[in-house]
Amino acid sequence: MDLPDSDPARLEATLRQFSWINRLLTGARRLLERTVLEDIRRRPGPCTLLDVGAGGADLALWLARRAPSLSITCLDHDPRAADYARRRCAGVERIRVRLGSAAELERLDGFDYVFANHFLHHLQDAQVAPTVAAMLGRARRLLVITDLLRSPASYFWYALFAGVFLHGSFAAYDGLLSIRRGFLPEELSALLACAAPEGRLEVRREPPGRVVVIGRPE
């Protein structure tokens, strides 16, 4: 789906399917509930979030419904995904969709929260630490990253699910490829060793089949 000449109809079907993949399989909503939304409840008042690699903006829309005080900027490098997200978010004043890559992070203003779902595995290993460092540098309160755990179990269960439910899109093939590009917690910890001072980044494994990074600014 990342190829610029990929079929537009299959691409949009993929973005639609990501919405319920995130709802059913990724645990992203539960993670955001325990981190970002819990923090917002402790600190009333307007706040902001940057969603890096936001895709179709399904998680941004869910967050906007859950947190009326939250304004969200969705960042994605793919103009087709950004266009789809803009159409989905039309009329939601608190969501802004911006076309751009992670290389632009250091030029963005700060946000209270920075979030990324299934984003890091798209990077080369050498890009992971500087990208996460830039994301942490934009976060005033909290950085939350969730990505794929590379494991035979993840691959098997996703292949089974995709074979039954994910038709007419790139979600089945791309999802299995993404799992193969995923991380073990110790691998991601090693990649991030130079991304921030000790103690500011926590890497942990979470069900179902996820590796999570929690970053706390100074």
N, C-alpha and C. Protein backbone atom coordinates (compact mmCIF):
# COMPACT_ATOMS: atom_id res chain seq x y z
N MET A 1 0.81 -1.21 0.00
CA MET A 1 0.00 0.00 0.00
C MET A 1 0.84 1.27 0.00
N ASP A 2 2.12 1.17 0.36
CA ASP A 2 2.98 2.35 0.39
C ASP A 2 3.43 2.79 -0.99
N LEU A 3 3.28 1.94 -2.00
CA LEU A 3 3.70 2.31 -3.34
C LEU A 3 2.78 3.39 -3.90
N PRO A 4 3.35 4.43 -4.53
CA PRO A 4 2.51 5.54 -4.99
C PRO A 4 1.51 5.15 -6.07
N ASP A 5 1.77 4.05 -6.80
CA ASP A 5 0.84 3.64 -7.85
C ASP A 5 -0.07 2.50 -7.42
N SER A 6 -0.16 2.25 -6.10
CA SER A 6 -1.04 1.18 -5.64
C SER A 6 -2.50 1.56 -5.90
N ASP A 7 -3.33 0.55 -6.05
CA ASP A 7 -4.72 0.74 -6.44
C ASP A 7 -5.47 1.59 -5.41
N PRO A 8 -6.06 2.73 -5.83
CA PRO A 8 -6.72 3.62 -4.86
C PRO A 8 -7.87 2.98 -4.11
N ALA A 9 -8.65 2.15 -4.79
CA ALA A 9 -9.80 1.52 -4.12
C ALA A 9 -9.33 0.55 -3.04
N ARG A 10 -8.30 -0.23 -3.35
CA ARG A 10 -7.76 -1.17 -2.35
C ARG A 10 -7.11 -0.41 -1.20
N LEU A 11 -6.48 0.72 -1.51
CA LEU A 11 -5.87 1.53 -0.46
C LEU A 11 -6.93 2.06 0.50
N GLU A 12 -8.01 2.60 -0.04
CA GLU A 12 -9.07 3.11 0.84
C GLU A 12 -9.72 1.98 1.63
N ALA A 13 -9.86 0.81 1.02
CA ALA A 13 -10.39 -0.33 1.76
C ALA A 13 -9.46 -0.70 2.91
N THR A 14 -8.16 -0.61 2.67
CA THR A 14 -7.18 -0.90 3.72
C THR A 14 -7.33 0.09 4.87
N LEU A 15 -7.44 1.37 4.56
CA LEU A 15 -7.58 2.38 5.60
C LEU A 15 -8.87 2.18 6.39
N ARG A 16 -9.95 1.79 5.72
CA ARG A 16 -11.19 1.49 6.43
C ARG A 16 -11.02 0.29 7.35
N GLN A 17 -10.34 -0.74 6.85
CA GLN A 17 -10.15 -1.94 7.67
C GLN A 17 -9.24 -1.67 8.86
N PHE A 18 -8.29 -0.75 8.71
CA PHE A 18 -7.43 -0.40 9.84
C PHE A 18 -8.26 0.08 11.02
N SER A 19 -9.38 0.72 10.75
CA SER A 19 -10.21 1.24 11.83
C SER A 19 -10.66 0.12 12.75
N TRP A 20 -11.16 -0.99 12.19
CA TRP A 20 -11.58 -2.05 13.10
C TRP A 20 -10.46 -3.01 13.46
N ILE A 21 -9.36 -3.03 12.71
CA ILE A 21 -8.17 -3.73 13.19
C ILE A 21 -7.69 -3.07 14.48
N ASN A 22 -7.65 -1.73 14.48
CA ASN A 22 -7.24 -1.02 15.70
C ASN A 22 -8.22 -1.25 16.84
N ARG A 23 -9.50 -1.35 16.51
CA ARG A 23 -10.50 -1.56 17.55
C ARG A 23 -10.42 -2.97 18.14
N LEU A 24 -10.18 -3.97 17.29
CA LEU A 24 -10.29 -5.36 17.73
C LEU A 24 -8.96 -5.99 18.11
N LEU A 25 -7.87 -5.61 17.45
CA LEU A 25 -6.64 -6.38 17.55
C LEU A 25 -5.47 -5.68 18.22
N THR A 26 -5.36 -4.37 18.11
CA THR A 26 -4.10 -3.73 18.48
C THR A 26 -3.98 -3.34 19.94
N GLY A 27 -5.09 -3.18 20.63
CA GLY A 27 -5.01 -2.70 22.01
C GLY A 27 -4.68 -1.23 22.11
N ALA A 28 -4.67 -0.49 20.99
CA ALA A 28 -4.28 0.92 21.02
C ALA A 28 -5.24 1.75 21.85
N ARG A 29 -6.53 1.46 21.75
CA ARG A 29 -7.50 2.23 22.54
C ARG A 29 -7.28 2.03 24.03
N ARG A 30 -7.06 0.79 24.44
CA ARG A 30 -6.82 0.52 25.87
C ARG A 30 -5.56 1.23 26.34
N LEU A 31 -4.52 1.20 25.51
CA LEU A 31 -3.27 1.88 25.87
C LEU A 31 -3.49 3.38 26.01
N LEU A 32 -4.18 3.99 25.06
CA LEU A 32 -4.46 5.42 25.14
C LEU A 32 -5.34 5.75 26.34
N GLU A 33 -6.26 4.87 26.67
CA GLU A 33 -7.12 5.10 27.84
C GLU A 33 -6.29 5.15 29.11
N ARG A 34 -5.30 4.24 29.23
CA ARG A 34 -4.50 4.15 30.45
C ARG A 34 -3.42 5.23 30.52
N THR A 35 -3.09 5.84 29.41
CA THR A 35 -1.98 6.80 29.39
C THR A 35 -2.48 8.21 29.13
N VAL A 36 -2.77 8.52 27.89
CA VAL A 36 -3.15 9.88 27.51
C VAL A 36 -4.45 10.31 28.18
N LEU A 37 -5.50 9.51 28.06
CA LEU A 37 -6.79 9.94 28.60
C LEU A 37 -6.78 10.01 30.12
N GLU A 38 -6.07 9.09 30.76
CA GLU A 38 -5.95 9.17 32.22
C GLU A 38 -5.23 10.44 32.64
N ASP A 39 -4.18 10.81 31.90
CA ASP A 39 -3.45 12.03 32.22
C ASP A 39 -4.32 13.27 32.00
N ILE A 40 -5.11 13.27 30.92
CA ILE A 40 -6.00 14.40 30.66
C ILE A 40 -7.01 14.57 31.79
N ARG A 41 -7.52 13.47 32.31
CA ARG A 41 -8.49 13.55 33.41
C ARG A 41 -7.87 14.16 34.66
N ARG A 42 -6.57 13.96 34.84
CA ARG A 42 -5.89 14.52 36.01
C ARG A 42 -5.57 16.00 35.84
N ARG A 43 -5.56 16.48 34.58
CA ARG A 43 -5.16 17.86 34.31
C ARG A 43 -6.22 18.53 33.43
N PRO A 44 -7.29 19.02 34.01
CA PRO A 44 -8.35 19.64 33.21
C PRO A 44 -7.82 20.84 32.42
N GLY A 45 -8.47 21.10 31.29
CA GLY A 45 -8.09 22.24 30.47
C GLY A 45 -7.69 21.82 29.08
N PRO A 46 -7.58 22.79 28.17
CA PRO A 46 -7.22 22.48 26.79
C PRO A 46 -5.86 21.81 26.69
N CYS A 47 -5.73 20.86 25.77
CA CYS A 47 -4.46 20.17 25.56
C CYS A 47 -4.38 19.72 24.10
N THR A 48 -3.18 19.30 23.70
CA THR A 48 -2.93 18.98 22.29
C THR A 48 -2.22 17.64 22.17
N LEU A 49 -2.43 16.99 21.02
CA LEU A 49 -1.79 15.70 20.74
C LEU A 49 -1.37 15.66 19.28
N LEU A 50 -0.19 15.11 19.03
CA LEU A 50 0.29 14.84 17.68
C LEU A 50 0.24 13.33 17.45
N ASP A 51 -0.46 12.92 16.39
CA ASP A 51 -0.56 11.52 15.99
C ASP A 51 0.35 11.32 14.78
N VAL A 52 1.47 10.64 14.97
CA VAL A 52 2.48 10.47 13.92
C VAL A 52 2.17 9.20 13.13
N GLY A 53 2.09 9.33 11.81
CA GLY A 53 1.70 8.19 10.98
C GLY A 53 0.25 7.83 11.20
N ALA A 54 -0.61 8.84 11.14
CA ALA A 54 -2.00 8.70 11.59
C ALA A 54 -2.87 7.89 10.64
N GLY A 55 -2.44 7.67 9.40
CA GLY A 55 -3.24 6.88 8.47
C GLY A 55 -4.60 7.49 8.24
N GLY A 56 -5.65 6.69 8.44
CA GLY A 56 -7.01 7.16 8.22
C GLY A 56 -7.62 7.93 9.36
N ALA A 57 -6.86 8.20 10.42
CA ALA A 57 -7.27 9.05 11.55
C ALA A 57 -8.36 8.42 12.41
N ASP A 58 -8.51 7.10 12.38
CA ASP A 58 -9.56 6.49 13.20
C ASP A 58 -9.30 6.66 14.69
N LEU A 59 -8.04 6.57 15.11
CA LEU A 59 -7.73 6.75 16.52
C LEU A 59 -7.87 8.20 16.94
N ALA A 60 -7.54 9.12 16.04
CA ALA A 60 -7.74 10.54 16.34
C ALA A 60 -9.22 10.86 16.54
N LEU A 61 -10.07 10.32 15.69
CA LEU A 61 -11.51 10.53 15.84
C LEU A 61 -12.02 9.95 17.15
N TRP A 62 -11.53 8.77 17.51
CA TRP A 62 -11.94 8.15 18.77
C TRP A 62 -11.48 9.01 19.95
N LEU A 63 -10.23 9.49 19.92
CA LEU A 63 -9.73 10.35 20.99
C LEU A 63 -10.54 11.63 21.10
N ALA A 64 -10.88 12.22 19.96
CA ALA A 64 -11.64 13.46 19.99
C ALA A 64 -13.00 13.27 20.65
N ARG A 65 -13.61 12.11 20.44
CA ARG A 65 -14.90 11.83 21.10
C ARG A 65 -14.72 11.63 22.60
N ARG A 66 -13.61 11.03 22.98
CA ARG A 66 -13.37 10.71 24.39
C ARG A 66 -12.89 11.91 25.20
N ALA A 67 -12.25 12.88 24.54
CA ALA A 67 -11.63 14.00 25.27
C ALA A 67 -12.00 15.31 24.59
N PRO A 68 -13.09 15.95 25.00
CA PRO A 68 -13.53 17.19 24.36
C PRO A 68 -12.54 18.34 24.47
N SER A 69 -11.61 18.26 25.42
CA SER A 69 -10.62 19.34 25.59
C SER A 69 -9.39 19.16 24.72
N LEU A 70 -9.33 18.06 23.95
CA LEU A 70 -8.12 17.70 23.22
C LEU A 70 -8.20 18.15 21.76
N SER A 71 -7.17 18.87 21.31
CA SER A 71 -7.00 19.20 19.89
C SER A 71 -5.90 18.32 19.32
N ILE A 72 -6.14 17.77 18.13
CA ILE A 72 -5.27 16.73 17.58
C ILE A 72 -4.74 17.15 16.22
N THR A 73 -3.44 16.94 16.01
CA THR A 73 -2.83 17.09 14.70
C THR A 73 -2.42 15.71 14.21
N CYS A 74 -2.93 15.31 13.05
CA CYS A 74 -2.57 14.04 12.43
C CYS A 74 -1.50 14.29 11.38
N LEU A 75 -0.40 13.57 11.47
CA LEU A 75 0.71 13.71 10.53
C LEU A 75 0.88 12.40 9.76
N ASP A 76 0.87 12.49 8.43
CA ASP A 76 1.14 11.30 7.61
C ASP A 76 1.86 11.73 6.34
N HIS A 77 2.81 10.89 5.90
CA HIS A 77 3.63 11.25 4.73
C HIS A 77 2.95 10.91 3.41
N ASP A 78 1.90 10.09 3.45
CA ASP A 78 1.24 9.64 2.22
C ASP A 78 0.09 10.59 1.88
N PRO A 79 0.15 11.28 0.75
CA PRO A 79 -0.92 12.23 0.42
C PRO A 79 -2.28 11.58 0.27
N ARG A 80 -2.32 10.30 -0.14
CA ARG A 80 -3.60 9.62 -0.28
C ARG A 80 -4.22 9.33 1.08
N ALA A 81 -3.40 8.92 2.04
CA ALA A 81 -3.91 8.70 3.39
C ALA A 81 -4.34 10.01 4.02
N ALA A 82 -3.55 11.07 3.81
CA ALA A 82 -3.90 12.37 4.37
C ALA A 82 -5.22 12.88 3.79
N ASP A 83 -5.42 12.68 2.50
CA ASP A 83 -6.68 13.10 1.87
C ASP A 83 -7.86 12.31 2.44
N TYR A 84 -7.69 11.01 2.61
CA TYR A 84 -8.74 10.18 3.19
C TYR A 84 -9.05 10.64 4.62
N ALA A 85 -7.99 10.93 5.40
CA ALA A 85 -8.19 11.37 6.78
C ALA A 85 -8.91 12.72 6.82
N ARG A 86 -8.56 13.62 5.92
CA ARG A 86 -9.26 14.92 5.89
C ARG A 86 -10.75 14.73 5.62
N ARG A 87 -11.07 13.83 4.71
CA ARG A 87 -12.48 13.59 4.41
C ARG A 87 -13.21 12.99 5.61
N ARG A 88 -12.55 12.08 6.30
CA ARG A 88 -13.17 11.46 7.48
C ARG A 88 -13.36 12.46 8.61
N CYS A 89 -12.43 13.41 8.72
CA CYS A 89 -12.46 14.36 9.84
C CYS A 89 -13.15 15.67 9.49
N ALA A 90 -13.72 15.75 8.31
CA ALA A 90 -14.42 16.98 7.92
C ALA A 90 -15.50 17.32 8.94
N GLY A 91 -15.50 18.55 9.39
CA GLY A 91 -16.48 18.98 10.38
C GLY A 91 -16.03 18.79 11.81
N VAL A 92 -14.90 18.13 12.04
CA VAL A 92 -14.37 17.98 13.40
C VAL A 92 -13.28 19.04 13.57
N GLU A 93 -13.65 20.16 14.16
CA GLU A 93 -12.74 21.31 14.20
C GLU A 93 -11.48 21.03 15.01
N ARG A 94 -11.55 20.11 15.94
CA ARG A 94 -10.39 19.87 16.81
C ARG A 94 -9.38 18.91 16.21
N ILE A 95 -9.61 18.44 14.99
CA ILE A 95 -8.65 17.57 14.31
C ILE A 95 -8.13 18.28 13.06
N ARG A 96 -6.82 18.37 12.98
CA ARG A 96 -6.16 18.94 11.81
C ARG A 96 -5.28 17.87 11.19
N VAL A 97 -5.36 17.69 9.89
CA VAL A 97 -4.56 16.70 9.18
C VAL A 97 -3.45 17.42 8.42
N ARG A 98 -2.23 16.98 8.66
CA ARG A 98 -1.07 17.62 8.05
C ARG A 98 -0.28 16.59 7.25
N LEU A 99 0.05 16.92 6.01
CA LEU A 99 0.89 16.06 5.18
C LEU A 99 2.34 16.33 5.51
N GLY A 100 3.08 15.30 5.90
CA GLY A 100 4.48 15.48 6.23
C GLY A 100 5.08 14.21 6.79
N SER A 101 6.39 14.15 6.81
CA SER A 101 7.10 12.96 7.27
C SER A 101 7.70 13.19 8.65
N ALA A 102 8.21 12.11 9.22
CA ALA A 102 8.85 12.20 10.53
C ALA A 102 10.07 13.11 10.50
N ALA A 103 10.66 13.31 9.33
CA ALA A 103 11.82 14.19 9.23
C ALA A 103 11.48 15.63 9.60
N GLU A 104 10.19 15.97 9.58
CA GLU A 104 9.75 17.33 9.89
C GLU A 104 9.46 17.53 11.37
N LEU A 105 9.60 16.50 12.18
CA LEU A 105 9.19 16.60 13.58
C LEU A 105 9.86 17.75 14.31
N GLU A 106 11.15 17.94 14.08
CA GLU A 106 11.87 18.97 14.82
C GLU A 106 11.43 20.37 14.45
N ARG A 107 10.73 20.52 13.33
CA ARG A 107 10.25 21.84 12.92
C ARG A 107 8.84 22.13 13.43
N LEU A 108 8.21 21.14 14.04
CA LEU A 108 6.86 21.33 14.56
C LEU A 108 6.90 21.94 15.96
N ASP A 109 5.81 22.63 16.30
CA ASP A 109 5.67 23.13 17.67
C ASP A 109 5.50 21.96 18.63
N GLY A 110 5.58 22.26 19.92
CA GLY A 110 5.39 21.23 20.91
C GLY A 110 3.92 20.86 21.09
N PHE A 111 3.70 19.67 21.59
CA PHE A 111 2.36 19.15 21.89
C PHE A 111 2.39 18.58 23.30
N ASP A 112 1.25 18.56 23.94
CA ASP A 112 1.21 17.94 25.27
C ASP A 112 1.48 16.44 25.17
N TYR A 113 0.94 15.81 24.15
CA TYR A 113 1.12 14.36 23.96
C TYR A 113 1.55 14.09 22.53
N VAL A 114 2.42 13.11 22.37
CA VAL A 114 2.79 12.62 21.05
C VAL A 114 2.53 11.12 21.05
N PHE A 115 1.88 10.65 19.98
CA PHE A 115 1.45 9.26 19.89
C PHE A 115 1.79 8.71 18.52
N ALA A 116 2.16 7.44 18.46
CA ALA A 116 2.38 6.76 17.18
C ALA A 116 1.95 5.30 17.31
N ASN A 117 1.18 4.84 16.35
CA ASN A 117 0.69 3.47 16.32
C ASN A 117 1.20 2.78 15.05
N HIS A 118 1.94 1.69 15.20
CA HIS A 118 2.43 0.91 14.05
C HIS A 118 3.22 1.78 13.08
N PHE A 119 4.11 2.58 13.63
CA PHE A 119 4.89 3.52 12.82
C PHE A 119 6.37 3.15 12.77
N LEU A 120 6.94 2.77 13.91
CA LEU A 120 8.40 2.57 13.97
C LEU A 120 8.88 1.48 13.03
N HIS A 121 8.08 0.44 12.81
CA HIS A 121 8.58 -0.67 11.99
C HIS A 121 8.73 -0.27 10.52
N HIS A 122 8.23 0.88 10.13
CA HIS A 122 8.43 1.37 8.76
C HIS A 122 9.81 2.01 8.59
N LEU A 123 10.51 2.27 9.69
CA LEU A 123 11.79 2.97 9.64
C LEU A 123 12.94 1.98 9.51
N GLN A 124 14.06 2.46 8.98
CA GLN A 124 15.31 1.72 9.05
C GLN A 124 15.83 1.78 10.49
N ASP A 125 16.60 0.76 10.89
CA ASP A 125 17.08 0.72 12.27
C ASP A 125 17.79 2.01 12.67
N ALA A 126 18.60 2.56 11.78
CA ALA A 126 19.36 3.77 12.10
C ALA A 126 18.47 4.99 12.29
N GLN A 127 17.24 4.92 11.80
CA GLN A 127 16.32 6.05 11.93
C GLN A 127 15.52 6.02 13.23
N VAL A 128 15.48 4.88 13.89
CA VAL A 128 14.56 4.72 15.02
C VAL A 128 14.93 5.66 16.16
N ALA A 129 16.18 5.65 16.61
CA ALA A 129 16.56 6.48 17.76
C ALA A 129 16.38 7.97 17.50
N PRO A 130 16.88 8.52 16.38
CA PRO A 130 16.68 9.95 16.16
C PRO A 130 15.21 10.34 16.00
N THR A 131 14.42 9.45 15.42
CA THR A 131 12.99 9.76 15.26
C THR A 131 12.29 9.78 16.61
N VAL A 132 12.56 8.79 17.45
CA VAL A 132 11.94 8.76 18.78
C VAL A 132 12.44 9.93 19.62
N ALA A 133 13.72 10.28 19.49
CA ALA A 133 14.25 11.44 20.21
C ALA A 133 13.52 12.71 19.79
N ALA A 134 13.26 12.85 18.49
CA ALA A 134 12.52 14.03 18.00
C ALA A 134 11.09 14.03 18.52
N MET A 135 10.46 12.86 18.56
CA MET A 135 9.10 12.77 19.09
C MET A 135 9.07 13.13 20.57
N LEU A 136 10.02 12.61 21.32
CA LEU A 136 10.08 12.95 22.75
C LEU A 136 10.33 14.44 22.94
N GLY A 137 11.12 15.02 22.06
CA GLY A 137 11.39 16.45 22.14
C GLY A 137 10.19 17.32 21.86
N ARG A 138 9.17 16.78 21.20
CA ARG A 138 7.95 17.54 20.91
C ARG A 138 6.90 17.37 22.01
N ALA A 139 7.10 16.38 22.89
CA ALA A 139 6.08 16.05 23.90
C ALA A 139 6.34 16.81 25.20
N ARG A 140 5.36 17.56 25.65
CA ARG A 140 5.50 18.27 26.92
C ARG A 140 5.12 17.39 28.11
N ARG A 141 4.22 16.45 27.91
CA ARG A 141 3.75 15.62 29.02
C ARG A 141 4.11 14.15 28.85
N LEU A 142 3.82 13.59 27.66
CA LEU A 142 3.92 12.14 27.51
C LEU A 142 4.09 11.76 26.05
N LEU A 143 4.96 10.78 25.81
CA LEU A 143 5.11 10.14 24.50
C LEU A 143 4.61 8.70 24.63
N VAL A 144 3.75 8.28 23.72
CA VAL A 144 3.21 6.92 23.72
C VAL A 144 3.37 6.34 22.33
N ILE A 145 4.10 5.23 22.23
CA ILE A 145 4.32 4.54 20.96
C ILE A 145 3.92 3.08 21.14
N THR A 146 3.17 2.55 20.20
CA THR A 146 2.87 1.13 20.20
C THR A 146 3.20 0.55 18.83
N ASP A 147 3.85 -0.60 18.83
CA ASP A 147 4.22 -1.23 17.57
C ASP A 147 4.10 -2.74 17.71
N LEU A 148 4.49 -3.43 16.66
CA LEU A 148 4.23 -4.86 16.56
C LEU A 148 5.34 -5.70 17.19
N LEU A 149 4.94 -6.70 17.94
CA LEU A 149 5.86 -7.71 18.45
C LEU A 149 6.08 -8.75 17.36
N ARG A 150 7.31 -8.99 17.02
CA ARG A 150 7.63 -10.01 16.02
C ARG A 150 7.63 -11.38 16.70
N SER A 151 6.66 -12.20 16.35
CA SER A 151 6.57 -13.52 16.97
C SER A 151 5.78 -14.46 16.07
N PRO A 152 6.07 -15.77 16.14
CA PRO A 152 5.29 -16.73 15.36
C PRO A 152 3.80 -16.70 15.71
N ALA A 153 3.48 -16.48 16.99
CA ALA A 153 2.07 -16.45 17.39
C ALA A 153 1.35 -15.27 16.75
N SER A 154 1.98 -14.10 16.77
CA SER A 154 1.36 -12.93 16.14
C SER A 154 1.11 -13.19 14.67
N TYR A 155 2.11 -13.76 14.01
CA TYR A 155 2.00 -14.02 12.57
C TYR A 155 0.87 -15.02 12.29
N PHE A 156 0.82 -16.08 13.07
CA PHE A 156 -0.20 -17.12 12.85
C PHE A 156 -1.61 -16.57 13.03
N TRP A 157 -1.84 -15.89 14.16
CA TRP A 157 -3.20 -15.44 14.45
C TRP A 157 -3.64 -14.33 13.50
N TYR A 158 -2.70 -13.46 13.11
CA TYR A 158 -3.09 -12.42 12.15
C TYR A 158 -3.39 -13.04 10.79
N ALA A 159 -2.58 -14.01 10.38
CA ALA A 159 -2.83 -14.68 9.09
C ALA A 159 -4.20 -15.34 9.09
N LEU A 160 -4.56 -15.96 10.20
CA LEU A 160 -5.88 -16.60 10.31
C LEU A 160 -6.99 -15.56 10.22
N PHE A 161 -6.85 -14.48 10.98
CA PHE A 161 -7.86 -13.41 10.98
C PHE A 161 -7.98 -12.78 9.59
N ALA A 162 -6.83 -12.48 8.98
CA ALA A 162 -6.83 -11.81 7.68
C ALA A 162 -7.44 -12.69 6.60
N GLY A 163 -7.17 -14.00 6.67
CA GLY A 163 -7.72 -14.89 5.67
C GLY A 163 -9.23 -14.95 5.69
N VAL A 164 -9.81 -14.72 6.86
CA VAL A 164 -11.27 -14.77 6.99
C VAL A 164 -11.91 -13.41 6.71
N PHE A 165 -11.29 -12.33 7.20
CA PHE A 165 -11.98 -11.04 7.23
C PHE A 165 -11.41 -9.96 6.31
N LEU A 166 -10.14 -10.01 5.95
CA LEU A 166 -9.51 -8.87 5.28
C LEU A 166 -9.38 -9.13 3.79
N HIS A 167 -10.43 -8.83 3.06
CA HIS A 167 -10.45 -9.05 1.62
C HIS A 167 -10.56 -7.72 0.88
N GLY A 168 -10.08 -7.70 -0.36
CA GLY A 168 -10.22 -6.51 -1.19
C GLY A 168 -9.36 -5.35 -0.78
N SER A 169 -8.26 -5.63 -0.06
CA SER A 169 -7.39 -4.56 0.43
C SER A 169 -5.96 -5.08 0.50
N PHE A 170 -5.07 -4.21 1.00
CA PHE A 170 -3.68 -4.61 1.22
C PHE A 170 -3.44 -5.05 2.66
N ALA A 171 -4.48 -5.06 3.49
CA ALA A 171 -4.28 -5.24 4.92
C ALA A 171 -3.71 -6.61 5.28
N ALA A 172 -4.09 -7.66 4.55
CA ALA A 172 -3.59 -8.99 4.88
C ALA A 172 -2.09 -9.09 4.59
N TYR A 173 -1.70 -8.79 3.36
CA TYR A 173 -0.29 -8.90 2.98
C TYR A 173 0.57 -7.93 3.77
N ASP A 174 0.16 -6.66 3.83
CA ASP A 174 0.97 -5.66 4.51
C ASP A 174 1.07 -5.93 6.00
N GLY A 175 -0.02 -6.45 6.59
CA GLY A 175 0.02 -6.75 8.01
C GLY A 175 1.03 -7.84 8.35
N LEU A 176 1.07 -8.89 7.54
CA LEU A 176 2.04 -9.97 7.78
C LEU A 176 3.46 -9.48 7.56
N LEU A 177 3.66 -8.66 6.53
CA LEU A 177 4.98 -8.07 6.31
C LEU A 177 5.38 -7.20 7.48
N SER A 178 4.44 -6.43 8.02
CA SER A 178 4.73 -5.57 9.16
C SER A 178 5.12 -6.37 10.40
N ILE A 179 4.45 -7.50 10.63
CA ILE A 179 4.83 -8.33 11.78
C ILE A 179 6.26 -8.84 11.62
N ARG A 180 6.64 -9.22 10.39
CA ARG A 180 8.02 -9.66 10.17
C ARG A 180 9.01 -8.52 10.41
N ARG A 181 8.57 -7.29 10.25
CA ARG A 181 9.44 -6.12 10.49
C ARG A 181 9.34 -5.62 11.92
N GLY A 182 8.53 -6.28 12.74
CA GLY A 182 8.31 -5.82 14.10
C GLY A 182 9.53 -6.00 14.98
N PHE A 183 9.34 -5.83 16.28
CA PHE A 183 10.44 -5.78 17.23
C PHE A 183 10.25 -6.80 18.35
N LEU A 184 11.35 -7.20 18.94
CA LEU A 184 11.36 -7.76 20.28
C LEU A 184 11.68 -6.63 21.24
N PRO A 185 11.18 -6.67 22.48
CA PRO A 185 11.43 -5.56 23.40
C PRO A 185 12.92 -5.26 23.59
N GLU A 186 13.73 -6.31 23.68
CA GLU A 186 15.16 -6.07 23.90
C GLU A 186 15.82 -5.44 22.68
N GLU A 187 15.32 -5.77 21.48
CA GLU A 187 15.85 -5.15 20.27
C GLU A 187 15.53 -3.66 20.23
N LEU A 188 14.28 -3.34 20.54
CA LEU A 188 13.89 -1.93 20.51
C LEU A 188 14.59 -1.15 21.61
N SER A 189 14.76 -1.75 22.78
CA SER A 189 15.51 -1.09 23.85
C SER A 189 16.93 -0.77 23.40
N ALA A 190 17.57 -1.72 22.71
CA ALA A 190 18.93 -1.48 22.23
C ALA A 190 18.97 -0.37 21.19
N LEU A 191 17.99 -0.35 20.29
CA LEU A 191 17.94 0.71 19.27
C LEU A 191 17.75 2.08 19.90
N LEU A 192 17.05 2.13 21.04
CA LEU A 192 16.73 3.41 21.67
C LEU A 192 17.71 3.81 22.76
N ALA A 193 18.78 3.05 22.92
CA ALA A 193 19.71 3.31 24.02
C ALA A 193 20.27 4.72 23.99
N CYS A 194 20.44 5.28 22.79
CA CYS A 194 21.02 6.62 22.68
C CYS A 194 19.97 7.68 22.37
N ALA A 195 18.69 7.34 22.46
CA ALA A 195 17.63 8.28 22.06
C ALA A 195 17.30 9.30 23.14
N ALA A 196 17.56 8.96 24.41
CA ALA A 196 17.19 9.85 25.51
C ALA A 196 18.01 9.49 26.73
N PRO A 197 18.13 10.41 27.69
CA PRO A 197 18.81 10.08 28.94
C PRO A 197 18.15 8.89 29.64
N GLU A 198 18.94 8.18 30.40
CA GLU A 198 18.44 6.98 31.09
C GLU A 198 17.22 7.31 31.94
N GLY A 199 16.23 6.45 31.85
CA GLY A 199 15.03 6.61 32.66
C GLY A 199 13.90 7.37 32.00
N ARG A 200 14.15 7.98 30.85
CA ARG A 200 13.09 8.76 30.21
C ARG A 200 12.27 7.95 29.20
N LEU A 201 12.78 6.79 28.79
CA LEU A 201 12.05 5.92 27.88
C LEU A 201 11.90 4.54 28.51
N GLU A 202 10.70 4.04 28.53
CA GLU A 202 10.42 2.69 29.02
C GLU A 202 9.89 1.85 27.87
N VAL A 203 10.50 0.69 27.65
CA VAL A 203 10.06 -0.23 26.60
C VAL A 203 9.51 -1.48 27.28
N ARG A 204 8.31 -1.89 26.87
CA ARG A 204 7.73 -3.08 27.49
C ARG A 204 6.87 -3.83 26.48
N ARG A 205 6.65 -5.07 26.77
CA ARG A 205 5.77 -5.92 25.96
C ARG A 205 4.37 -5.89 26.55
N GLU A 206 3.36 -5.80 25.68
CA GLU A 206 1.98 -5.81 26.13
C GLU A 206 1.15 -6.68 25.20
N PRO A 207 0.12 -7.34 25.74
CA PRO A 207 -0.79 -8.07 24.87
C PRO A 207 -1.71 -7.08 24.15
N PRO A 208 -2.22 -7.43 22.97
CA PRO A 208 -1.92 -8.66 22.24
C PRO A 208 -0.81 -8.44 21.22
N GLY A 209 0.37 -8.97 21.48
CA GLY A 209 1.46 -8.94 20.51
C GLY A 209 1.98 -7.56 20.21
N ARG A 210 2.23 -6.76 21.25
CA ARG A 210 2.67 -5.39 21.05
C ARG A 210 3.94 -5.09 21.84
N VAL A 211 4.73 -4.16 21.31
CA VAL A 211 5.84 -3.56 22.04
C VAL A 211 5.50 -2.09 22.21
N VAL A 212 5.56 -1.61 23.44
CA VAL A 212 5.13 -0.26 23.77
C VAL A 212 6.31 0.54 24.30
N VAL A 213 6.38 1.80 23.89
CA VAL A 213 7.38 2.74 24.41
C VAL A 213 6.63 3.87 25.09
N ILE A 214 6.98 4.14 26.33
CA ILE A 214 6.44 5.28 27.07
C ILE A 214 7.59 6.24 27.35
N GLY A 215 7.44 7.48 26.91
CA GLY A 215 8.47 8.48 27.12
C GLY A 215 7.97 9.61 27.98
N ARG A 216 8.81 10.02 28.93
CA ARG A 216 8.44 11.11 29.84
C ARG A 216 9.47 12.23 29.71
N PRO A 217 9.04 13.39 29.24
CA PRO A 217 9.97 14.51 29.12
C PRO A 217 10.49 14.93 30.50
N GLU A 218 11.50 15.75 30.49
CA GLU A 218 12.06 16.23 31.76
C GLU A 218 11.03 17.06 32.50
